[in-house]
N, C-alpha and C. Protein backbone atom coordinates (compact mmCIF):
# COMPACT_ATOMS: atom_id res chain seq x y z
N MET A 1 240.78 -78.94 235.57
CA MET A 1 241.35 -79.07 234.43
C MET A 1 242.34 -77.23 234.48
N THR A 2 243.45 -77.68 234.32
CA THR A 2 244.08 -75.81 234.38
C THR A 2 245.25 -76.04 233.06
N SER A 3 245.10 -75.28 232.00
CA SER A 3 245.72 -74.74 230.87
C SER A 3 247.12 -74.34 231.19
N LEU A 4 247.64 -74.83 230.39
CA LEU A 4 249.32 -74.52 230.46
C LEU A 4 249.32 -73.05 230.11
N PRO A 5 250.13 -72.20 230.69
CA PRO A 5 250.66 -70.79 230.39
C PRO A 5 251.47 -70.91 228.76
N LEU A 6 251.20 -70.01 227.83
CA LEU A 6 251.90 -69.91 226.89
C LEU A 6 253.14 -69.74 227.00
N PRO A 7 254.19 -69.65 225.90
CA PRO A 7 255.17 -69.78 226.05
C PRO A 7 255.04 -68.12 225.91
N LYS A 8 256.25 -67.39 225.95
CA LYS A 8 256.03 -65.80 225.97
C LYS A 8 256.15 -65.12 224.79
N LYS A 9 256.73 -65.82 223.59
CA LYS A 9 256.82 -65.12 222.46
C LYS A 9 255.28 -65.39 221.64
N ASP A 10 254.81 -66.22 222.11
CA ASP A 10 253.05 -67.11 221.30
C ASP A 10 252.16 -66.44 222.31
N GLN A 11 252.17 -65.56 223.52
CA GLN A 11 251.56 -64.80 224.22
C GLN A 11 251.57 -63.34 223.69
N ILE A 12 253.01 -63.02 223.24
CA ILE A 12 252.76 -62.01 222.59
C ILE A 12 252.34 -61.64 221.86
N ALA A 13 252.44 -62.81 220.74
CA ALA A 13 251.81 -62.67 219.41
C ALA A 13 250.03 -62.95 219.59
N LEU A 14 249.97 -63.61 220.39
CA LEU A 14 248.06 -63.22 221.10
C LEU A 14 247.80 -62.08 221.21
N ASP A 15 248.63 -61.28 222.33
CA ASP A 15 248.51 -60.15 222.92
C ASP A 15 248.18 -58.76 221.37
N GLU A 16 249.14 -59.00 220.93
CA GLU A 16 249.46 -57.98 219.53
C GLU A 16 247.98 -58.50 218.20
N GLN A 17 247.92 -59.96 218.08
CA GLN A 17 246.55 -60.04 217.11
C GLN A 17 245.16 -59.60 218.10
N ILE A 18 244.81 -59.52 219.27
CA ILE A 18 243.94 -59.29 220.23
C ILE A 18 243.21 -57.70 219.78
N ALA A 19 244.53 -57.18 220.06
CA ALA A 19 245.12 -55.55 220.04
C ALA A 19 244.66 -55.24 218.42
N ARG A 20 245.44 -56.11 217.44
CA ARG A 20 245.07 -55.51 216.30
C ARG A 20 243.31 -55.72 215.99
N ASP A 21 242.69 -56.49 216.40
CA ASP A 21 241.39 -57.14 216.30
C ASP A 21 240.54 -55.99 216.95
N ILE A 22 240.59 -55.48 218.23
CA ILE A 22 240.28 -54.53 218.72
C ILE A 22 240.14 -53.08 218.06
N GLN A 23 241.38 -52.55 217.78
CA GLN A 23 241.89 -51.52 216.85
C GLN A 23 240.83 -51.32 215.51
N ALA A 24 241.00 -52.84 214.89
CA ALA A 24 240.43 -52.61 213.79
C ALA A 24 238.60 -52.69 214.29
N LYS A 25 238.52 -53.33 215.23
CA LYS A 25 236.97 -52.51 215.51
C LYS A 25 236.18 -51.10 216.23
N LEU A 26 237.47 -50.43 216.56
CA LEU A 26 237.31 -49.58 216.84
C LEU A 26 237.26 -48.49 215.72
N ASP A 27 237.94 -48.76 214.97
CA ASP A 27 237.76 -48.20 213.58
C ASP A 27 236.81 -48.50 212.51
N ALA A 28 236.06 -49.56 212.82
CA ALA A 28 235.02 -49.50 212.03
C ALA A 28 233.99 -49.02 212.49
N GLU A 29 233.83 -48.95 213.90
CA GLU A 29 232.81 -48.14 214.78
C GLU A 29 233.03 -46.82 214.32
N LEU A 30 233.99 -46.14 214.69
CA LEU A 30 234.32 -44.54 214.43
C LEU A 30 234.05 -44.18 212.68
N LEU A 31 234.51 -45.29 212.39
CA LEU A 31 234.59 -44.41 210.84
C LEU A 31 232.35 -44.82 210.49
N GLU A 32 232.04 -45.63 211.00
CA GLU A 32 230.50 -45.50 210.95
C GLU A 32 229.77 -44.34 211.75
N GLU A 33 230.27 -43.90 212.48
CA GLU A 33 229.92 -42.83 213.95
C GLU A 33 230.20 -41.59 212.64
N GLN A 34 231.02 -41.90 211.64
CA GLN A 34 231.27 -40.30 211.03
C GLN A 34 230.35 -40.06 210.03
N LYS A 35 230.10 -41.80 209.42
CA LYS A 35 229.14 -41.46 208.65
C LYS A 35 227.70 -40.96 208.39
N LEU A 36 227.82 -41.69 210.03
CA LEU A 36 225.75 -41.03 210.38
C LEU A 36 226.22 -39.55 210.43
N ALA A 37 227.57 -39.09 211.05
CA ALA A 37 227.60 -37.48 211.55
C ALA A 37 227.30 -36.56 210.63
N ARG A 38 227.94 -37.28 209.08
CA ARG A 38 228.11 -36.51 207.65
C ARG A 38 226.09 -36.59 207.01
N LYS A 39 225.87 -38.01 207.10
CA LYS A 39 224.57 -38.30 207.06
C LYS A 39 223.23 -37.25 207.47
N GLN A 40 223.63 -37.25 208.69
CA GLN A 40 222.55 -36.16 209.97
C GLN A 40 222.97 -34.50 209.32
N GLU A 41 224.40 -34.44 209.38
CA GLU A 41 224.80 -32.65 208.78
C GLU A 41 224.16 -32.52 207.39
N GLU A 42 224.56 -33.44 206.38
CA GLU A 42 223.87 -33.13 205.06
C GLU A 42 222.40 -32.99 204.99
N GLU A 43 221.32 -34.38 206.20
CA GLU A 43 219.77 -33.85 206.00
C GLU A 43 219.60 -32.93 206.58
N ALA A 44 220.46 -32.25 208.01
CA ALA A 44 219.99 -31.00 208.55
C ALA A 44 220.60 -29.68 207.63
N ASN A 45 221.38 -29.79 206.48
CA ASN A 45 221.84 -28.93 205.42
C ASN A 45 220.23 -29.29 204.26
N ILE A 46 219.56 -29.66 204.07
CA ILE A 46 218.58 -29.85 203.07
C ILE A 46 218.04 -29.89 204.10
N ALA A 47 217.49 -29.52 205.20
CA ALA A 47 216.42 -29.11 205.34
C ALA A 47 216.55 -27.25 205.84
N LEU A 48 217.52 -26.97 205.97
CA LEU A 48 217.83 -25.91 206.27
C LEU A 48 217.72 -24.92 204.52
N ILE A 49 218.23 -25.49 203.66
CA ILE A 49 218.01 -24.75 201.93
C ILE A 49 216.40 -25.08 201.93
N GLU A 50 215.65 -26.45 202.35
CA GLU A 50 214.39 -26.48 201.81
C GLU A 50 213.43 -24.92 202.89
N SER A 51 213.83 -25.16 204.24
CA SER A 51 213.17 -23.98 204.74
C SER A 51 213.57 -22.37 204.13
N TRP A 52 215.14 -21.98 203.72
CA TRP A 52 214.76 -21.37 203.17
C TRP A 52 214.34 -20.93 201.68
N GLU A 53 214.29 -21.44 201.02
CA GLU A 53 213.67 -21.59 199.91
C GLU A 53 211.64 -21.43 200.05
N ASN A 54 211.51 -21.89 201.29
CA ASN A 54 210.08 -21.54 201.23
C ASN A 54 210.23 -19.94 202.00
N ILE A 55 210.99 -19.75 202.57
CA ILE A 55 210.76 -18.19 202.93
C ILE A 55 211.17 -17.36 201.51
N GLN A 56 212.20 -17.36 200.81
CA GLN A 56 212.29 -16.72 199.47
C GLN A 56 210.59 -16.81 198.58
N ALA A 57 210.06 -18.13 198.84
CA ALA A 57 208.94 -18.27 197.81
C ALA A 57 207.88 -17.36 198.85
N THR A 58 207.58 -17.43 199.90
CA THR A 58 206.35 -16.52 200.91
C THR A 58 207.04 -15.35 200.74
N MET A 59 207.87 -14.51 200.69
CA MET A 59 208.66 -13.03 200.34
C MET A 59 208.16 -12.91 198.94
N GLU A 60 208.52 -13.74 197.72
CA GLU A 60 208.39 -13.30 196.67
C GLU A 60 206.57 -13.55 196.47
N ALA A 61 205.95 -13.83 196.88
CA ALA A 61 204.58 -13.96 196.92
C ALA A 61 204.08 -13.04 197.42
N ASP A 62 204.56 -12.96 198.87
CA ASP A 62 203.83 -11.31 199.45
C ASP A 62 204.26 -10.23 198.63
N ARG A 63 205.51 -10.31 198.28
CA ARG A 63 205.91 -9.20 197.27
C ARG A 63 204.96 -8.31 195.89
N LEU A 64 204.46 -10.04 195.01
CA LEU A 64 203.81 -9.75 194.19
C LEU A 64 202.46 -9.19 194.59
N LEU A 65 201.72 -9.75 195.81
CA LEU A 65 200.71 -9.22 195.80
C LEU A 65 200.83 -8.11 196.31
N ALA A 66 201.82 -7.10 197.43
CA ALA A 66 201.93 -5.72 197.77
C ALA A 66 201.84 -5.23 196.77
N GLU A 67 202.66 -5.47 195.12
CA GLU A 67 202.46 -5.09 193.54
C GLU A 67 201.16 -4.57 193.49
N ARG A 68 200.70 -5.70 193.23
CA ARG A 68 199.17 -5.52 192.93
C ARG A 68 198.12 -4.54 193.79
N LEU A 69 198.29 -4.95 194.96
CA LEU A 69 197.59 -4.25 195.70
C LEU A 69 197.74 -2.93 195.50
N GLN A 70 198.93 -2.45 195.26
CA GLN A 70 199.14 -1.20 195.06
C GLN A 70 198.98 -0.63 193.52
N SER A 71 199.07 -1.23 193.02
CA SER A 71 198.63 -0.93 191.29
C SER A 71 197.10 -0.87 191.39
N LYS A 72 196.43 -1.43 192.27
CA LYS A 72 195.00 -1.50 192.49
C LYS A 72 194.36 -0.12 193.01
N GLU A 73 195.44 0.55 193.76
CA GLU A 73 195.11 1.57 194.89
C GLU A 73 195.35 2.55 193.87
N ARG A 74 196.01 2.28 192.86
CA ARG A 74 196.36 3.55 192.21
C ARG A 74 195.13 4.15 190.91
N GLU A 75 194.30 2.70 190.49
CA GLU A 75 193.60 2.99 189.66
C GLU A 75 192.05 3.91 189.87
């Protein structure tokens, strides 16, 4: 069983629809990749901020400890 070729006008319309469908799929995949990249960047930024805050807290605790030790040495 062989299929008859479509008239040129119909084939062009079919090809254009297929191209639109492929482009829509590619656009959706790109959008999803961009969303994932933004989420990963946001998570990395949050981790960096948390790390920085931990470092700052440690530095502050060290400073307070050093002040206490110095004040005891003066006594």
